[in-house]
Amino acid sequence: MDLNSTTFEEFVKKNKTCVVDFWAPWCGPCRMLAPTIEAACAEKKMPLGKVNIDQSTDLAMKFGVMSIPCVVLFKNGKEANRKVGNVPKENLLKFLS
């Protein structure tokens, strides 16, 4: 699900545990990570939201996203963990556990 400043809070609050992928269309590692994160979230049955940092700079600044791809795990509406960079599926599955 594509998220922006209007939809972000509702997505994070309605899902007890969820993942948000901060990315940009010009970012090669982001495009490489996209199918991996989608597969890992599907396997863990975890909702995935995507924030295009070029379109939602306010969210990128709010969460201190300095490098992309940046995958953030939210639990109960709060950031629980984050991973930066393109990582293998096995690492993502551990991260989501």
PDB file of N, CA and C in Angstrom:
ATOM      1  N   MET A   1       0.837  -1.170   0.000  1.00  0.00           N
ATOM      2  CA  MET A   1       0.000   0.000   0.000  1.00  0.00           C
ATOM      3  C   MET A   1       0.888   1.241   0.000  1.00  0.00           C
ATOM      4  N   ASP A   2       0.623   2.162  -0.908  1.00  0.00           N
ATOM      5  CA  ASP A   2       1.362   3.421  -0.962  1.00  0.00           C
ATOM      6  C   ASP A   2       0.851   4.340   0.146  1.00  0.00           C
ATOM      7  N   LEU A   3       1.793   4.865   0.910  1.00  0.00           N
ATOM      8  CA  LEU A   3       1.433   5.720   2.036  1.00  0.00           C
ATOM      9  C   LEU A   3       1.920   7.143   1.807  1.00  0.00           C
ATOM     10  N   ASN A   4       1.199   8.096   2.383  1.00  0.00           N
ATOM     11  CA  ASN A   4       1.614   9.495   2.382  1.00  0.00           C
ATOM     12  C   ASN A   4       1.253  10.076   3.751  1.00  0.00           C
ATOM     13  N   SER A   5       1.453  11.365   3.914  1.00  0.00           N
ATOM     14  CA  SER A   5       1.216  11.959   5.231  1.00  0.00           C
ATOM     15  C   SER A   5      -0.245  11.857   5.662  1.00  0.00           C
ATOM     16  N   THR A   6      -1.164  11.702   4.724  1.00  0.00           N
ATOM     17  CA  THR A   6      -2.579  11.572   5.057  1.00  0.00           C
ATOM     18  C   THR A   6      -2.927  10.155   5.520  1.00  0.00           C
ATOM     19  N   THR A   7      -2.327   9.143   4.901  1.00  0.00           N
ATOM     20  CA  THR A   7      -2.703   7.750   5.169  1.00  0.00           C
ATOM     21  C   THR A   7      -1.772   7.030   6.136  1.00  0.00           C
ATOM     22  N   PHE A   8      -0.603   7.594   6.400  1.00  0.00           N
ATOM     23  CA  PHE A   8       0.421   6.911   7.186  1.00  0.00           C
ATOM     24  C   PHE A   8      -0.054   6.551   8.598  1.00  0.00           C
ATOM     25  N   GLU A   9      -0.522   7.545   9.356  1.00  0.00           N
ATOM     26  CA  GLU A   9      -0.908   7.317  10.756  1.00  0.00           C
ATOM     27  C   GLU A   9      -1.988   6.245  10.878  1.00  0.00           C
ATOM     28  N   GLU A  10      -2.981   6.307  10.006  1.00  0.00           N
ATOM     29  CA  GLU A  10      -4.068   5.327  10.054  1.00  0.00           C
ATOM     30  C   GLU A  10      -3.543   3.915   9.799  1.00  0.00           C
ATOM     31  N   PHE A  11      -2.644   3.773   8.814  1.00  0.00           N
ATOM     32  CA  PHE A  11      -2.065   2.462   8.486  1.00  0.00           C
ATOM     33  C   PHE A  11      -1.311   1.889   9.683  1.00  0.00           C
ATOM     34  N   VAL A  12      -0.468   2.699  10.296  1.00  0.00           N
ATOM     35  CA  VAL A  12       0.365   2.232  11.413  1.00  0.00           C
ATOM     36  C   VAL A  12      -0.485   1.932  12.649  1.00  0.00           C
ATOM     37  N   LYS A  13      -1.505   2.717  12.894  1.00  0.00           N
ATOM     38  CA  LYS A  13      -2.333   2.508  14.079  1.00  0.00           C
ATOM     39  C   LYS A  13      -3.295   1.334  13.915  1.00  0.00           C
ATOM     40  N   LYS A  14      -3.808   1.118  12.705  1.00  0.00           N
ATOM     41  CA  LYS A  14      -4.795   0.048  12.524  1.00  0.00           C
ATOM     42  C   LYS A  14      -4.141  -1.338  12.492  1.00  0.00           C
ATOM     43  N   ASN A  15      -2.856  -1.401  12.176  1.00  0.00           N
ATOM     44  CA  ASN A  15      -2.128  -2.676  12.138  1.00  0.00           C
ATOM     45  C   ASN A  15      -1.242  -2.780  13.373  1.00  0.00           C
ATOM     46  N   LYS A  16      -1.507  -3.778  14.215  1.00  0.00           N
ATOM     47  CA  LYS A  16      -0.741  -3.933  15.456  1.00  0.00           C
ATOM     48  C   LYS A  16       0.759  -4.026  15.159  1.00  0.00           C
ATOM     49  N   THR A  17       1.109  -4.817  14.155  1.00  0.00           N
ATOM     50  CA  THR A  17       2.490  -4.926  13.695  1.00  0.00           C
ATOM     51  C   THR A  17       2.478  -4.747  12.186  1.00  0.00           C
ATOM     52  N   CYS A  18       3.342  -3.875  11.682  1.00  0.00           N
ATOM     53  CA  CYS A  18       3.403  -3.641  10.240  1.00  0.00           C
ATOM     54  C   CYS A  18       4.796  -3.168   9.850  1.00  0.00           C
ATOM     55  N   VAL A  19       5.028  -3.140   8.546  1.00  0.00           N
ATOM     56  CA  VAL A  19       6.322  -2.756   7.996  1.00  0.00           C
ATOM     57  C   VAL A  19       6.107  -1.577   7.053  1.00  0.00           C
ATOM     58  N   VAL A  20       7.015  -0.602   7.118  1.00  0.00           N
ATOM     59  CA  VAL A  20       6.989   0.517   6.184  1.00  0.00           C
ATOM     60  C   VAL A  20       8.339   0.580   5.485  1.00  0.00           C
ATOM     61  N   ASP A  21       8.281   0.583   4.151  1.00  0.00           N
ATOM     62  CA  ASP A  21       9.464   0.647   3.303  1.00  0.00           C
ATOM     63  C   ASP A  21       9.592   2.074   2.775  1.00  0.00           C
ATOM     64  N   PHE A  22      10.633   2.788   3.210  1.00  0.00           N
ATOM     65  CA  PHE A  22      10.927   4.120   2.684  1.00  0.00           C
ATOM     66  C   PHE A  22      11.841   3.923   1.475  1.00  0.00           C
ATOM     67  N   TRP A  23      11.431   4.433   0.317  1.00  0.00           N
ATOM     68  CA  TRP A  23      12.128   4.161  -0.936  1.00  0.00           C
ATOM     69  C   TRP A  23      11.979   5.357  -1.880  1.00  0.00           C
ATOM     70  N   ALA A  24      12.632   5.242  -3.048  1.00  0.00           N
ATOM     71  CA  ALA A  24      12.477   6.230  -4.126  1.00  0.00           C
ATOM     72  C   ALA A  24      12.609   5.498  -5.459  1.00  0.00           C
ATOM     73  N   PRO A  25      11.898   5.962  -6.486  1.00  0.00           N
ATOM     74  CA  PRO A  25      11.923   5.269  -7.776  1.00  0.00           C
ATOM     75  C   PRO A  25      13.291   5.268  -8.460  1.00  0.00           C
ATOM     76  N   TRP A  26      14.147   6.243  -8.171  1.00  0.00           N
ATOM     77  CA  TRP A  26      15.462   6.335  -8.790  1.00  0.00           C
ATOM     78  C   TRP A  26      16.509   5.479  -8.072  1.00  0.00           C
ATOM     79  N   CYS A  27      16.139   4.862  -6.964  1.00  0.00           N
ATOM     80  CA  CYS A  27      17.077   4.111  -6.122  1.00  0.00           C
ATOM     81  C   CYS A  27      17.154   2.646  -6.573  1.00  0.00           C
ATOM     82  N   GLY A  28      18.281   2.252  -7.134  1.00  0.00           N
ATOM     83  CA  GLY A  28      18.468   0.866  -7.596  1.00  0.00           C
ATOM     84  C   GLY A  28      18.302  -0.160  -6.481  1.00  0.00           C
ATOM     85  N   PRO A  29      18.981   0.011  -5.335  1.00  0.00           N
ATOM     86  CA  PRO A  29      18.804  -0.950  -4.247  1.00  0.00           C
ATOM     87  C   PRO A  29      17.350  -1.045  -3.773  1.00  0.00           C
ATOM     88  N   CYS A  30      16.618   0.077  -3.823  1.00  0.00           N
ATOM     89  CA  CYS A  30      15.198   0.058  -3.431  1.00  0.00           C
ATOM     90  C   CYS A  30      14.398  -0.833  -4.371  1.00  0.00           C
ATOM     91  N   ARG A  31      14.663  -0.704  -5.666  1.00  0.00           N
ATOM     92  CA  ARG A  31      13.941  -1.519  -6.651  1.00  0.00           C
ATOM     93  C   ARG A  31      14.319  -2.994  -6.507  1.00  0.00           C
ATOM     94  N   MET A  32      15.572  -3.260  -6.142  1.00  0.00           N
ATOM     95  CA  MET A  32      16.004  -4.651  -5.941  1.00  0.00           C
ATOM     96  C   MET A  32      15.361  -5.249  -4.687  1.00  0.00           C
ATOM     97  N   LEU A  33      15.180  -4.437  -3.661  1.00  0.00           N
ATOM     98  CA  LEU A  33      14.624  -4.909  -2.394  1.00  0.00           C
ATOM     99  C   LEU A  33      13.111  -5.127  -2.473  1.00  0.00           C
ATOM    100  N   ALA A  34      12.424  -4.374  -3.329  1.00  0.00           N
ATOM    101  CA  ALA A  34      10.954  -4.392  -3.366  1.00  0.00           C
ATOM    102  C   ALA A  34      10.354  -5.798  -3.427  1.00  0.00           C
ATOM    103  N   PRO A  35      10.738  -6.663  -4.387  1.00  0.00           N
ATOM    104  CA  PRO A  35      10.120  -7.998  -4.408  1.00  0.00           C
ATOM    105  C   PRO A  35      10.501  -8.847  -3.191  1.00  0.00           C
ATOM    106  N   THR A  36      11.683  -8.610  -2.636  1.00  0.00           N
ATOM    107  CA  THR A  36      12.135  -9.367  -1.464  1.00  0.00           C
ATOM    108  C   THR A  36      11.307  -8.999  -0.238  1.00  0.00           C
ATOM    109  N   ILE A  37      11.108  -7.703  -0.015  1.00  0.00           N
ATOM    110  CA  ILE A  37      10.339  -7.278   1.155  1.00  0.00           C
ATOM    111  C   ILE A  37       8.873  -7.676   1.000  1.00  0.00           C
ATOM    112  N   GLU A  38       8.361  -7.620  -0.218  1.00  0.00           N
ATOM    113  CA  GLU A  38       6.974  -8.041  -0.450  1.00  0.00           C
ATOM    114  C   GLU A  38       6.806  -9.527  -0.139  1.00  0.00           C
ATOM    115  N   ALA A  39       7.765 -10.344  -0.570  1.00  0.00           N
ATOM    116  CA  ALA A  39       7.703 -11.789  -0.312  1.00  0.00           C
ATOM    117  C   ALA A  39       7.839 -12.089   1.180  1.00  0.00           C
ATOM    118  N   ALA A  40       8.761 -11.403   1.858  1.00  0.00           N
ATOM    119  CA  ALA A  40       8.967 -11.639   3.293  1.00  0.00           C
ATOM    120  C   ALA A  40       7.727 -11.243   4.090  1.00  0.00           C
ATOM    121  N   CYS A  41       7.132 -10.110   3.759  1.00  0.00           N
ATOM    122  CA  CYS A  41       5.917  -9.669   4.470  1.00  0.00           C
ATOM    123  C   CYS A  41       4.750 -10.607   4.196  1.00  0.00           C
ATOM    124  N   ALA A  42       4.643 -11.089   2.961  1.00  0.00           N
ATOM    125  CA  ALA A  42       3.575 -12.034   2.632  1.00  0.00           C
ATOM    126  C   ALA A  42       3.755 -13.321   3.417  1.00  0.00           C
ATOM    127  N   GLU A  43       4.996 -13.800   3.507  1.00  0.00           N
ATOM    128  CA  GLU A  43       5.288 -15.036   4.237  1.00  0.00           C
ATOM    129  C   GLU A  43       4.951 -14.888   5.722  1.00  0.00           C
ATOM    130  N   LYS A  44       5.222 -13.716   6.284  1.00  0.00           N
ATOM    131  CA  LYS A  44       4.945 -13.463   7.703  1.00  0.00           C
ATOM    132  C   LYS A  44       3.529 -12.930   7.938  1.00  0.00           C
ATOM    133  N   LYS A  45       2.768 -12.772   6.840  1.00  0.00           N
ATOM    134  CA  LYS A  45       1.396 -12.225   6.916  1.00  0.00           C
ATOM    135  C   LYS A  45       1.388 -10.878   7.642  1.00  0.00           C
ATOM    136  N   MET A  46       2.321 -10.018   7.225  1.00  0.00           N
ATOM    137  CA  MET A  46       2.480  -8.718   7.844  1.00  0.00           C
ATOM    138  C   MET A  46       2.174  -7.624   6.820  1.00  0.00           C
ATOM    139  N   PRO A  47       1.332  -6.652   7.171  1.00  0.00           N
ATOM    140  CA  PRO A  47       1.009  -5.566   6.240  1.00  0.00           C
ATOM    141  C   PRO A  47       2.248  -4.745   5.895  1.00  0.00           C
ATOM    142  N   LEU A  48       2.341  -4.367   4.613  1.00  0.00           N
ATOM    143  CA  LEU A  48       3.477  -3.586   4.118  1.00  0.00           C
ATOM    144  C   LEU A  48       2.977  -2.279   3.536  1.00  0.00           C
ATOM    145  N   GLY A  49       3.541  -1.193   4.010  1.00  0.00           N
ATOM    146  CA  GLY A  49       3.274   0.121   3.440  1.00  0.00           C
ATOM    147  C   GLY A  49       4.548   0.649   2.817  1.00  0.00           C
ATOM    148  N   LYS A  50       4.393   1.446   1.754  1.00  0.00           N
ATOM    149  CA  LYS A  50       5.555   1.989   1.062  1.00  0.00           C
ATOM    150  C   LYS A  50       5.448   3.507   1.021  1.00  0.00           C
ATOM    151  N   VAL A  51       6.536   4.176   1.397  1.00  0.00           N
ATOM    152  CA  VAL A  51       6.584   5.635   1.382  1.00  0.00           C
ATOM    153  C   VAL A  51       7.635   6.073   0.364  1.00  0.00           C
ATOM    154  N   ASN A  52       7.179   6.731  -0.697  1.00  0.00           N
ATOM    155  CA  ASN A  52       8.085   7.319  -1.681  1.00  0.00           C
ATOM    156  C   ASN A  52       8.617   8.610  -1.062  1.00  0.00           C
ATOM    157  N   ILE A  53       9.904   8.624  -0.727  1.00  0.00           N
ATOM    158  CA  ILE A  53      10.459   9.767   0.003  1.00  0.00           C
ATOM    159  C   ILE A  53      10.489  11.042  -0.839  1.00  0.00           C
ATOM    160  N   ASP A  54      10.448  10.917  -2.165  1.00  0.00           N
ATOM    161  CA  ASP A  54      10.396  12.103  -3.016  1.00  0.00           C
ATOM    162  C   ASP A  54       9.030  12.783  -2.925  1.00  0.00           C
ATOM    163  N   GLN A  55       7.988  12.003  -2.730  1.00  0.00           N
ATOM    164  CA  GLN A  55       6.631  12.543  -2.648  1.00  0.00           C
ATOM    165  C   GLN A  55       6.222  12.854  -1.205  1.00  0.00           C
ATOM    166  N   SER A  56       6.862  12.218  -0.245  1.00  0.00           N
ATOM    167  CA  SER A  56       6.514  12.411   1.173  1.00  0.00           C
ATOM    168  C   SER A  56       7.761  12.752   1.982  1.00  0.00           C
ATOM    169  N   THR A  57       8.394  13.851   1.622  1.00  0.00           N
ATOM    170  CA  THR A  57       9.616  14.256   2.316  1.00  0.00           C
ATOM    171  C   THR A  57       9.350  14.509   3.801  1.00  0.00           C
ATOM    172  N   ASP A  58       8.121  14.944   4.129  1.00  0.00           N
ATOM    173  CA  ASP A  58       7.780  15.199   5.532  1.00  0.00           C
ATOM    174  C   ASP A  58       7.892  13.932   6.375  1.00  0.00           C
ATOM    175  N   LEU A  59       7.447  12.792   5.834  1.00  0.00           N
ATOM    176  CA  LEU A  59       7.544  11.521   6.572  1.00  0.00           C
ATOM    177  C   LEU A  59       8.995  11.075   6.695  1.00  0.00           C
ATOM    178  N   ALA A  60       9.762  11.238   5.626  1.00  0.00           N
ATOM    179  CA  ALA A  60      11.180  10.870   5.670  1.00  0.00           C
ATOM    180  C   ALA A  60      11.899  11.687   6.746  1.00  0.00           C
ATOM    181  N   MET A  61      11.600  12.964   6.817  1.00  0.00           N
ATOM    182  CA  MET A  61      12.226  13.820   7.831  1.00  0.00           C
ATOM    183  C   MET A  61      11.745  13.451   9.228  1.00  0.00           C
ATOM    184  N   LYS A  62      10.447  13.201   9.380  1.00  0.00           N
ATOM    185  CA  LYS A  62       9.873  12.859  10.688  1.00  0.00           C
ATOM    186  C   LYS A  62      10.535  11.619  11.284  1.00  0.00           C
ATOM    187  N   PHE A  63      10.837  10.637  10.426  1.00  0.00           N
ATOM    188  CA  PHE A  63      11.425   9.382  10.905  1.00  0.00           C
ATOM    189  C   PHE A  63      12.943   9.329  10.726  1.00  0.00           C
ATOM    190  N   GLY A  64      13.548  10.439  10.351  1.00  0.00           N
ATOM    191  CA  GLY A  64      15.003  10.515  10.270  1.00  0.00           C
ATOM    192  C   GLY A  64      15.598   9.568   9.245  1.00  0.00           C
ATOM    193  N   VAL A  65      14.914   9.401   8.124  1.00  0.00           N
ATOM    194  CA  VAL A  65      15.415   8.509   7.076  1.00  0.00           C
ATOM    195  C   VAL A  65      16.527   9.244   6.324  1.00  0.00           C
ATOM    196  N   MET A  66      17.760   8.764   6.494  1.00  0.00           N
ATOM    197  CA  MET A  66      18.920   9.400   5.866  1.00  0.00           C
ATOM    198  C   MET A  66      19.427   8.599   4.676  1.00  0.00           C
ATOM    199  N   SER A  67      19.171   7.306   4.669  1.00  0.00           N
ATOM    200  CA  SER A  67      19.606   6.425   3.586  1.00  0.00           C
ATOM    201  C   SER A  67      18.452   5.508   3.221  1.00  0.00           C
ATOM    202  N   ILE A  68      18.381   5.156   1.948  1.00  0.00           N
ATOM    203  CA  ILE A  68      17.332   4.245   1.488  1.00  0.00           C
ATOM    204  C   ILE A  68      17.966   3.102   0.711  1.00  0.00           C
ATOM    205  N   PRO A  69      17.310   1.961   0.639  1.00  0.00           N
ATOM    206  CA  PRO A  69      16.034   1.655   1.251  1.00  0.00           C
ATOM    207  C   PRO A  69      16.147   1.562   2.775  1.00  0.00           C
ATOM    208  N   CYS A  70      15.079   1.983   3.423  1.00  0.00           N
ATOM    209  CA  CYS A  70      14.998   1.941   4.888  1.00  0.00           C
ATOM    210  C   CYS A  70      13.688   1.252   5.247  1.00  0.00           C
ATOM    211  N   VAL A  71      13.787   0.098   5.872  1.00  0.00           N
ATOM    212  CA  VAL A  71      12.617  -0.691   6.247  1.00  0.00           C
ATOM    213  C   VAL A  71      12.414  -0.547   7.750  1.00  0.00           C
ATOM    214  N   VAL A  72      11.214  -0.074   8.136  1.00  0.00           N
ATOM    215  CA  VAL A  72      10.928   0.188   9.543  1.00  0.00           C
ATOM    216  C   VAL A  72       9.797  -0.733  10.005  1.00  0.00           C
ATOM    217  N   LEU A  73      10.032  -1.402  11.123  1.00  0.00           N
ATOM    218  CA  LEU A  73       9.036  -2.271  11.736  1.00  0.00           C
ATOM    219  C   LEU A  73       8.314  -1.474  12.818  1.00  0.00           C
ATOM    220  N   PHE A  74       6.986  -1.435  12.738  1.00  0.00           N
ATOM    221  CA  PHE A  74       6.170  -0.736  13.732  1.00  0.00           C
ATOM    222  C   PHE A  74       5.383  -1.754  14.538  1.00  0.00           C
ATOM    223  N   LYS A  75       5.370  -1.553  15.857  1.00  0.00           N
ATOM    224  CA  LYS A  75       4.561  -2.366  16.760  1.00  0.00           C
ATOM    225  C   LYS A  75       3.758  -1.420  17.635  1.00  0.00           C
ATOM    226  N   ASN A  76       2.453  -1.649  17.659  1.00  0.00           N
ATOM    227  CA  ASN A  76       1.551  -0.810  18.466  1.00  0.00           C
ATOM    228  C   ASN A  76       1.725   0.681  18.172  1.00  0.00           C
ATOM    229  N   GLY A  77       1.897   1.013  16.888  1.00  0.00           N
ATOM    230  CA  GLY A  77       1.986   2.406  16.464  1.00  0.00           C
ATOM    231  C   GLY A  77       3.323   3.078  16.660  1.00  0.00           C
ATOM    232  N   LYS A  78       4.310   2.341  17.179  1.00  0.00           N
ATOM    233  CA  LYS A  78       5.622   2.931  17.429  1.00  0.00           C
ATOM    234  C   LYS A  78       6.710   2.140  16.701  1.00  0.00           C
ATOM    235  N   GLU A  79       7.776   2.862  16.326  1.00  0.00           N
ATOM    236  CA  GLU A  79       8.898   2.200  15.657  1.00  0.00           C
ATOM    237  C   GLU A  79       9.551   1.218  16.623  1.00  0.00           C
ATOM    238  N   ALA A  80       9.716  -0.030  16.158  1.00  0.00           N
ATOM    239  CA  ALA A  80      10.330  -1.061  16.986  1.00  0.00           C
ATOM    240  C   ALA A  80      11.739  -1.406  16.513  1.00  0.00           C
ATOM    241  N   ASN A  81      11.975  -1.257  15.207  1.00  0.00           N
ATOM    242  CA  ASN A  81      13.274  -1.634  14.646  1.00  0.00           C
ATOM    243  C   ASN A  81      13.375  -1.069  13.245  1.00  0.00           C
ATOM    244  N   ARG A  82      14.597  -1.011  12.706  1.00  0.00           N
ATOM    245  CA  ARG A  82      14.776  -0.591  11.312  1.00  0.00           C
ATOM    246  C   ARG A  82      16.003  -1.236  10.701  1.00  0.00           C
ATOM    247  N   LYS A  83      15.943  -1.426   9.393  1.00  0.00           N
ATOM    248  CA  LYS A  83      17.059  -1.966   8.606  1.00  0.00           C
ATOM    249  C   LYS A  83      17.275  -1.017   7.444  1.00  0.00           C
ATOM    250  N   VAL A  84      18.528  -0.732   7.152  1.00  0.00           N
ATOM    251  CA  VAL A  84      18.865   0.148   6.043  1.00  0.00           C
ATOM    252  C   VAL A  84      19.680  -0.638   5.027  1.00  0.00           C
ATOM    253  N   GLY A  85      19.343  -0.460   3.764  1.00  0.00           N
ATOM    254  CA  GLY A  85      20.077  -1.111   2.676  1.00  0.00           C
ATOM    255  C   GLY A  85      19.363  -2.340   2.164  1.00  0.00           C
ATOM    256  N   ASN A  86      19.888  -2.862   1.073  1.00  0.00           N
ATOM    257  CA  ASN A  86      19.324  -4.056   0.448  1.00  0.00           C
ATOM    258  C   ASN A  86      19.832  -5.274   1.208  1.00  0.00           C
ATOM    259  N   VAL A  87      18.929  -6.045   1.775  1.00  0.00           N
ATOM    260  CA  VAL A  87      19.315  -7.206   2.570  1.00  0.00           C
ATOM    261  C   VAL A  87      18.648  -8.465   2.022  1.00  0.00           C
ATOM    262  N   PRO A  88      19.262  -9.633   2.217  1.00  0.00           N
ATOM    263  CA  PRO A  88      18.670 -10.889   1.740  1.00  0.00           C
ATOM    264  C   PRO A  88      17.362 -11.211   2.473  1.00  0.00           C
ATOM    265  N   LYS A  89      16.541 -12.021   1.842  1.00  0.00           N
ATOM    266  CA  LYS A  89      15.239 -12.390   2.397  1.00  0.00           C
ATOM    267  C   LYS A  89      15.376 -13.042   3.769  1.00  0.00           C
ATOM    268  N   GLU A  90      16.377 -13.886   3.964  1.00  0.00           N
ATOM    269  CA  GLU A  90      16.566 -14.569   5.247  1.00  0.00           C
ATOM    270  C   GLU A  90      16.749 -13.539   6.366  1.00  0.00           C
ATOM    271  N   ASN A  91      17.529 -12.489   6.099  1.00  0.00           N
ATOM    272  CA  ASN A  91      17.753 -11.438   7.101  1.00  0.00           C
ATOM    273  C   ASN A  91      16.460 -10.677   7.386  1.00  0.00           C
ATOM    274  N   LEU A  92      15.676 -10.441   6.336  1.00  0.00           N
ATOM    275  CA  LEU A  92      14.397  -9.745   6.533  1.00  0.00           C
ATOM    276  C   LEU A  92      13.445 -10.582   7.362  1.00  0.00           C
ATOM    277  N   LEU A  93      13.410 -11.879   7.112  1.00  0.00           N
ATOM    278  CA  LEU A  93      12.514 -12.758   7.874  1.00  0.00           C
ATOM    279  C   LEU A  93      12.888 -12.739   9.349  1.00  0.00           C
ATOM    280  N   LYS A  94      14.185 -12.753   9.666  1.00  0.00           N
ATOM    281  CA  LYS A  94      14.639 -12.669  11.065  1.00  0.00           C
ATOM    282  C   LYS A  94      14.246 -11.316  11.655  1.00  0.00           C
ATOM    283  N   PHE A  95      14.437 -10.272  10.873  1.00  0.00           N
ATOM    284  CA  PHE A  95      14.101  -8.908  11.298  1.00  0.00           C
ATOM    285  C   PHE A  95      12.613  -8.794  11.629  1.00  0.00           C
ATOM    286  N   LEU A  96      11.764  -9.459  10.878  1.00  0.00           N
ATOM    287  CA  LEU A  96      10.319  -9.383  11.074  1.00  0.00           C
ATOM    288  C   LEU A  96       9.809 -10.267  12.213  1.00  0.00           C
ATOM    289  N   SER A  97      10.650 -11.183  12.671  1.00  0.00           N
ATOM    290  CA  SER A  97      10.221 -12.115  13.742  1.00  0.00           C
ATOM    291  C   SER A  97      10.231 -11.476  15.112  1.00  0.00           C
TER     292      SER A  97
END
